[in-house]
């Protein structure tokens, strides 16, 4: 005979909240400062600038250099795979869905531009430095490492 413990009221409420969250949490729509992606893509640059952070507003209000202008035009056109070294251009809603290969100083990293990237620089998504991974101490590094067996 198996005796089951009765669930407390608190645990029953918790289970119902989790079940409700699982149902409503699936269809989450992307919003950027209260606007949908379609609304953002329909906006002109003058309407979009007040929604961007201050650094992005300043960058777009100033003149772009030649490489930035060329990449900007390529991203607005129908080109799909774009290779570039330009890391200092800010992502706009019109760029969403494009595939870009960005140079990180060693190789080109390929990624798709998503809605969550709006307002960030391209260079943020292609890190230039490797993560440092240290191995064990070398022979002679410490007094105790003298007695490590050699491979």
C-alpha atoms as a PDB file:
ATOM      1  CA  UNK A   1       0.000   0.000   0.000  1.00  0.00           C
ATOM      2  CA  UNK A   2       1.458   3.347  -1.122  1.00  0.00           C
ATOM      3  CA  UNK A   3       0.572   6.374   0.949  1.00  0.00           C
ATOM      4  CA  UNK A   4       0.635   9.626  -0.996  1.00  0.00           C
ATOM      5  CA  UNK A   5       1.159  12.937   0.658  1.00  0.00           C
ATOM      6  CA  UNK A   6      -1.513  15.532  -0.043  1.00  0.00           C
ATOM      7  CA  UNK A   7      -0.335  18.569  -1.980  1.00  0.00           C
ATOM      8  CA  UNK A   8      -0.415  21.835  -0.117  1.00  0.00           C
ATOM      9  CA  UNK A   9      -2.410  24.797  -1.372  1.00  0.00           C
ATOM     10  CA  UNK A  10       0.831  26.624  -2.088  1.00  0.00           C
ATOM     11  CA  UNK A  11       2.178  23.837  -4.324  1.00  0.00           C
ATOM     12  CA  UNK A  12      -1.132  23.586  -6.206  1.00  0.00           C
ATOM     13  CA  UNK A  13      -1.053  27.337  -6.944  1.00  0.00           C
ATOM     14  CA  UNK A  14       2.605  27.083  -8.029  1.00  0.00           C
ATOM     15  CA  UNK A  15       1.782  24.271 -10.475  1.00  0.00           C
ATOM     16  CA  UNK A  16      -1.120  26.216 -11.968  1.00  0.00           C
ATOM     17  CA  UNK A  17       1.101  29.333 -12.406  1.00  0.00           C
ATOM     18  CA  UNK A  18       3.783  27.263 -14.155  1.00  0.00           C
ATOM     19  CA  UNK A  19       1.200  25.675 -16.449  1.00  0.00           C
ATOM     20  CA  UNK A  20      -0.259  29.083 -17.320  1.00  0.00           C
ATOM     21  CA  UNK A  21       3.227  30.514 -17.909  1.00  0.00           C
ATOM     22  CA  UNK A  22       4.109  27.650 -20.254  1.00  0.00           C
ATOM     23  CA  UNK A  23       1.004  28.362 -22.332  1.00  0.00           C
ATOM     24  CA  UNK A  24       1.390  32.169 -22.520  1.00  0.00           C
ATOM     25  CA  UNK A  25       5.197  32.257 -22.676  1.00  0.00           C
ATOM     26  CA  UNK A  26       5.404  30.609 -26.089  1.00  0.00           C
ATOM     27  CA  UNK A  27       4.044  33.347 -28.362  1.00  0.00           C
ATOM     28  CA  UNK A  28       6.093  36.307 -27.176  1.00  0.00           C
ATOM     29  CA  UNK A  29       6.234  39.072 -29.772  1.00  0.00           C
ATOM     30  CA  UNK A  30       9.404  41.118 -30.277  1.00  0.00           C
ATOM     31  CA  UNK A  31       9.092  44.761 -29.224  1.00  0.00           C
ATOM     32  CA  UNK A  32      11.723  47.501 -29.290  1.00  0.00           C
ATOM     33  CA  UNK A  33      10.765  50.426 -27.066  1.00  0.00           C
ATOM     34  CA  UNK A  34       7.075  49.582 -27.503  1.00  0.00           C
ATOM     35  CA  UNK A  35       7.154  49.183 -31.308  1.00  0.00           C
ATOM     36  CA  UNK A  36       6.901  45.963 -33.314  1.00  0.00           C
ATOM     37  CA  UNK A  37       9.513  45.041 -35.905  1.00  0.00           C
ATOM     38  CA  UNK A  38       7.108  45.806 -38.772  1.00  0.00           C
ATOM     39  CA  UNK A  39       6.415  49.296 -37.392  1.00  0.00           C
ATOM     40  CA  UNK A  40      10.155  49.932 -36.961  1.00  0.00           C
ATOM     41  CA  UNK A  41      10.931  48.797 -40.510  1.00  0.00           C
ATOM     42  CA  UNK A  42       8.252  51.140 -41.864  1.00  0.00           C
ATOM     43  CA  UNK A  43       9.733  54.178 -40.093  1.00  0.00           C
ATOM     44  CA  UNK A  44      12.038  56.667 -41.762  1.00  0.00           C
ATOM     45  CA  UNK A  45      15.474  57.263 -40.227  1.00  0.00           C
ATOM     46  CA  UNK A  46      14.316  60.612 -38.755  1.00  0.00           C
ATOM     47  CA  UNK A  47      11.440  58.890 -36.916  1.00  0.00           C
ATOM     48  CA  UNK A  48      13.652  56.022 -35.763  1.00  0.00           C
ATOM     49  CA  UNK A  49      16.543  58.067 -34.339  1.00  0.00           C
ATOM     50  CA  UNK A  50      14.695  59.262 -31.189  1.00  0.00           C
ATOM     51  CA  UNK A  51      14.107  55.599 -30.232  1.00  0.00           C
ATOM     52  CA  UNK A  52      17.812  54.694 -30.403  1.00  0.00           C
ATOM     53  CA  UNK A  53      20.314  55.232 -27.550  1.00  0.00           C
ATOM     54  CA  UNK A  54      22.208  58.546 -27.425  1.00  0.00           C
ATOM     55  CA  UNK A  55      25.462  57.174 -28.899  1.00  0.00           C
ATOM     56  CA  UNK A  56      23.578  55.678 -31.871  1.00  0.00           C
ATOM     57  CA  UNK A  57      21.686  58.939 -32.457  1.00  0.00           C
ATOM     58  CA  UNK A  58      24.930  60.883 -32.450  1.00  0.00           C
ATOM     59  CA  UNK A  59      26.633  58.413 -34.814  1.00  0.00           C
ATOM     60  CA  UNK A  60      23.831  58.613 -37.376  1.00  0.00           C
ATOM     61  CA  UNK A  61      23.406  62.391 -37.087  1.00  0.00           C
ATOM     62  CA  UNK A  62      27.092  62.823 -38.012  1.00  0.00           C
ATOM     63  CA  UNK A  63      28.479  62.041 -41.446  1.00  0.00           C
ATOM     64  CA  UNK A  64      29.367  58.380 -42.143  1.00  0.00           C
ATOM     65  CA  UNK A  65      32.740  57.566 -43.682  1.00  0.00           C
ATOM     66  CA  UNK A  66      33.082  55.911 -47.099  1.00  0.00           C
ATOM     67  CA  UNK A  67      33.208  52.296 -45.855  1.00  0.00           C
ATOM     68  CA  UNK A  68      30.216  52.812 -43.564  1.00  0.00           C
ATOM     69  CA  UNK A  69      28.170  54.366 -46.402  1.00  0.00           C
ATOM     70  CA  UNK A  70      28.990  51.444 -48.702  1.00  0.00           C
ATOM     71  CA  UNK A  71      28.016  48.852 -46.060  1.00  0.00           C
ATOM     72  CA  UNK A  72      24.855  50.821 -45.222  1.00  0.00           C
ATOM     73  CA  UNK A  73      23.791  50.754 -48.902  1.00  0.00           C
ATOM     74  CA  UNK A  74      24.653  47.046 -49.197  1.00  0.00           C
ATOM     75  CA  UNK A  75      22.582  46.226 -46.104  1.00  0.00           C
ATOM     76  CA  UNK A  76      19.594  48.190 -47.427  1.00  0.00           C
ATOM     77  CA  UNK A  77      19.825  46.509 -50.842  1.00  0.00           C
ATOM     78  CA  UNK A  78      18.775  42.941 -51.635  1.00  0.00           C
ATOM     79  CA  UNK A  79      22.275  41.509 -51.191  1.00  0.00           C
ATOM     80  CA  UNK A  80      22.175  38.518 -48.850  1.00  0.00           C
ATOM     81  CA  UNK A  81      25.721  37.446 -47.886  1.00  0.00           C
ATOM     82  CA  UNK A  82      27.818  40.520 -47.141  1.00  0.00           C
ATOM     83  CA  UNK A  83      31.493  40.338 -46.116  1.00  0.00           C
ATOM     84  CA  UNK A  84      32.900  43.338 -44.287  1.00  0.00           C
ATOM     85  CA  UNK A  85      35.572  44.689 -41.969  1.00  0.00           C
ATOM     86  CA  UNK A  86      33.355  47.571 -40.775  1.00  0.00           C
ATOM     87  CA  UNK A  87      32.524  46.923 -37.111  1.00  0.00           C
ATOM     88  CA  UNK A  88      31.383  50.417 -36.073  1.00  0.00           C
ATOM     89  CA  UNK A  89      27.984  50.684 -37.761  1.00  0.00           C
ATOM     90  CA  UNK A  90      24.842  50.552 -35.631  1.00  0.00           C
ATOM     91  CA  UNK A  91      22.202  47.963 -36.508  1.00  0.00           C
ATOM     92  CA  UNK A  92      18.871  49.354 -37.730  1.00  0.00           C
ATOM     93  CA  UNK A  93      15.549  47.484 -38.150  1.00  0.00           C
ATOM     94  CA  UNK A  94      16.012  47.511 -41.939  1.00  0.00           C
ATOM     95  CA  UNK A  95      19.052  45.215 -41.520  1.00  0.00           C
ATOM     96  CA  UNK A  96      17.098  42.466 -39.705  1.00  0.00           C
ATOM     97  CA  UNK A  97      17.117  39.155 -41.574  1.00  0.00           C
ATOM     98  CA  UNK A  98      20.375  39.817 -43.452  1.00  0.00           C
ATOM     99  CA  UNK A  99      23.317  37.430 -43.212  1.00  0.00           C
ATOM    100  CA  UNK A 100      26.652  39.101 -42.664  1.00  0.00           C
ATOM    101  CA  UNK A 101      30.255  37.914 -42.398  1.00  0.00           C
ATOM    102  CA  UNK A 102      32.218  40.175 -40.076  1.00  0.00           C
ATOM    103  CA  UNK A 103      35.997  40.162 -39.737  1.00  0.00           C
ATOM    104  CA  UNK A 104      37.293  39.752 -36.183  1.00  0.00           C
ATOM    105  CA  UNK A 105      41.005  40.224 -36.953  1.00  0.00           C
ATOM    106  CA  UNK A 106      41.626  36.555 -37.710  1.00  0.00           C
ATOM    107  CA  UNK A 107      38.702  35.205 -39.717  1.00  0.00           C
ATOM    108  CA  UNK A 108      35.185  36.067 -40.844  1.00  0.00           C
ATOM    109  CA  UNK A 109      32.361  35.158 -38.448  1.00  0.00           C
ATOM    110  CA  UNK A 110      29.002  34.572 -40.127  1.00  0.00           C
ATOM    111  CA  UNK A 111      25.752  35.461 -38.333  1.00  0.00           C
ATOM    112  CA  UNK A 112      22.182  36.548 -39.038  1.00  0.00           C
ATOM    113  CA  UNK A 113      20.988  39.927 -37.837  1.00  0.00           C
ATOM    114  CA  UNK A 114      18.021  39.544 -35.450  1.00  0.00           C
ATOM    115  CA  UNK A 115      15.606  42.022 -33.907  1.00  0.00           C
ATOM    116  CA  UNK A 116      17.323  41.882 -30.522  1.00  0.00           C
ATOM    117  CA  UNK A 117      20.470  43.355 -32.097  1.00  0.00           C
ATOM    118  CA  UNK A 118      18.842  46.715 -32.991  1.00  0.00           C
ATOM    119  CA  UNK A 119      20.770  49.668 -31.556  1.00  0.00           C
ATOM    120  CA  UNK A 120      23.998  47.672 -31.041  1.00  0.00           C
ATOM    121  CA  UNK A 121      27.223  47.902 -33.020  1.00  0.00           C
ATOM    122  CA  UNK A 122      28.042  45.111 -35.496  1.00  0.00           C
ATOM    123  CA  UNK A 123      31.395  44.577 -33.791  1.00  0.00           C
ATOM    124  CA  UNK A 124      29.714  43.449 -30.568  1.00  0.00           C
ATOM    125  CA  UNK A 125      28.712  40.188 -32.228  1.00  0.00           C
ATOM    126  CA  UNK A 126      32.163  39.164 -33.507  1.00  0.00           C
ATOM    127  CA  UNK A 127      34.551  39.067 -30.518  1.00  0.00           C
ATOM    128  CA  UNK A 128      38.185  39.853 -31.337  1.00  0.00           C
ATOM    129  CA  UNK A 129      39.788  38.089 -28.398  1.00  0.00           C
ATOM    130  CA  UNK A 130      39.812  34.413 -27.529  1.00  0.00           C
ATOM    131  CA  UNK A 131      38.774  33.178 -24.119  1.00  0.00           C
ATOM    132  CA  UNK A 132      41.820  32.297 -22.013  1.00  0.00           C
ATOM    133  CA  UNK A 133      41.882  28.628 -21.037  1.00  0.00           C
ATOM    134  CA  UNK A 134      44.707  27.633 -18.730  1.00  0.00           C
ATOM    135  CA  UNK A 135      45.892  24.083 -18.499  1.00  0.00           C
ATOM    136  CA  UNK A 136      47.558  22.500 -15.492  1.00  0.00           C
ATOM    137  CA  UNK A 137      50.804  23.890 -14.113  1.00  0.00           C
ATOM    138  CA  UNK A 138      53.991  23.113 -16.025  1.00  0.00           C
ATOM    139  CA  UNK A 139      56.864  21.084 -14.662  1.00  0.00           C
ATOM    140  CA  UNK A 140      58.830  23.255 -12.262  1.00  0.00           C
ATOM    141  CA  UNK A 141      56.043  25.828 -11.899  1.00  0.00           C
ATOM    142  CA  UNK A 142      55.677  25.015  -8.204  1.00  0.00           C
ATOM    143  CA  UNK A 143      57.648  22.939  -5.708  1.00  0.00           C
ATOM    144  CA  UNK A 144      55.011  20.223  -5.708  1.00  0.00           C
ATOM    145  CA  UNK A 145      54.941  19.945  -9.505  1.00  0.00           C
ATOM    146  CA  UNK A 146      58.422  18.365  -9.399  1.00  0.00           C
ATOM    147  CA  UNK A 147      56.783  15.085  -8.480  1.00  0.00           C
ATOM    148  CA  UNK A 148      54.129  15.052 -11.238  1.00  0.00           C
ATOM    149  CA  UNK A 149      54.566  12.062 -13.507  1.00  0.00           C
ATOM    150  CA  UNK A 150      55.760  12.929 -16.992  1.00  0.00           C
ATOM    151  CA  UNK A 151      53.572  11.740 -19.819  1.00  0.00           C
END
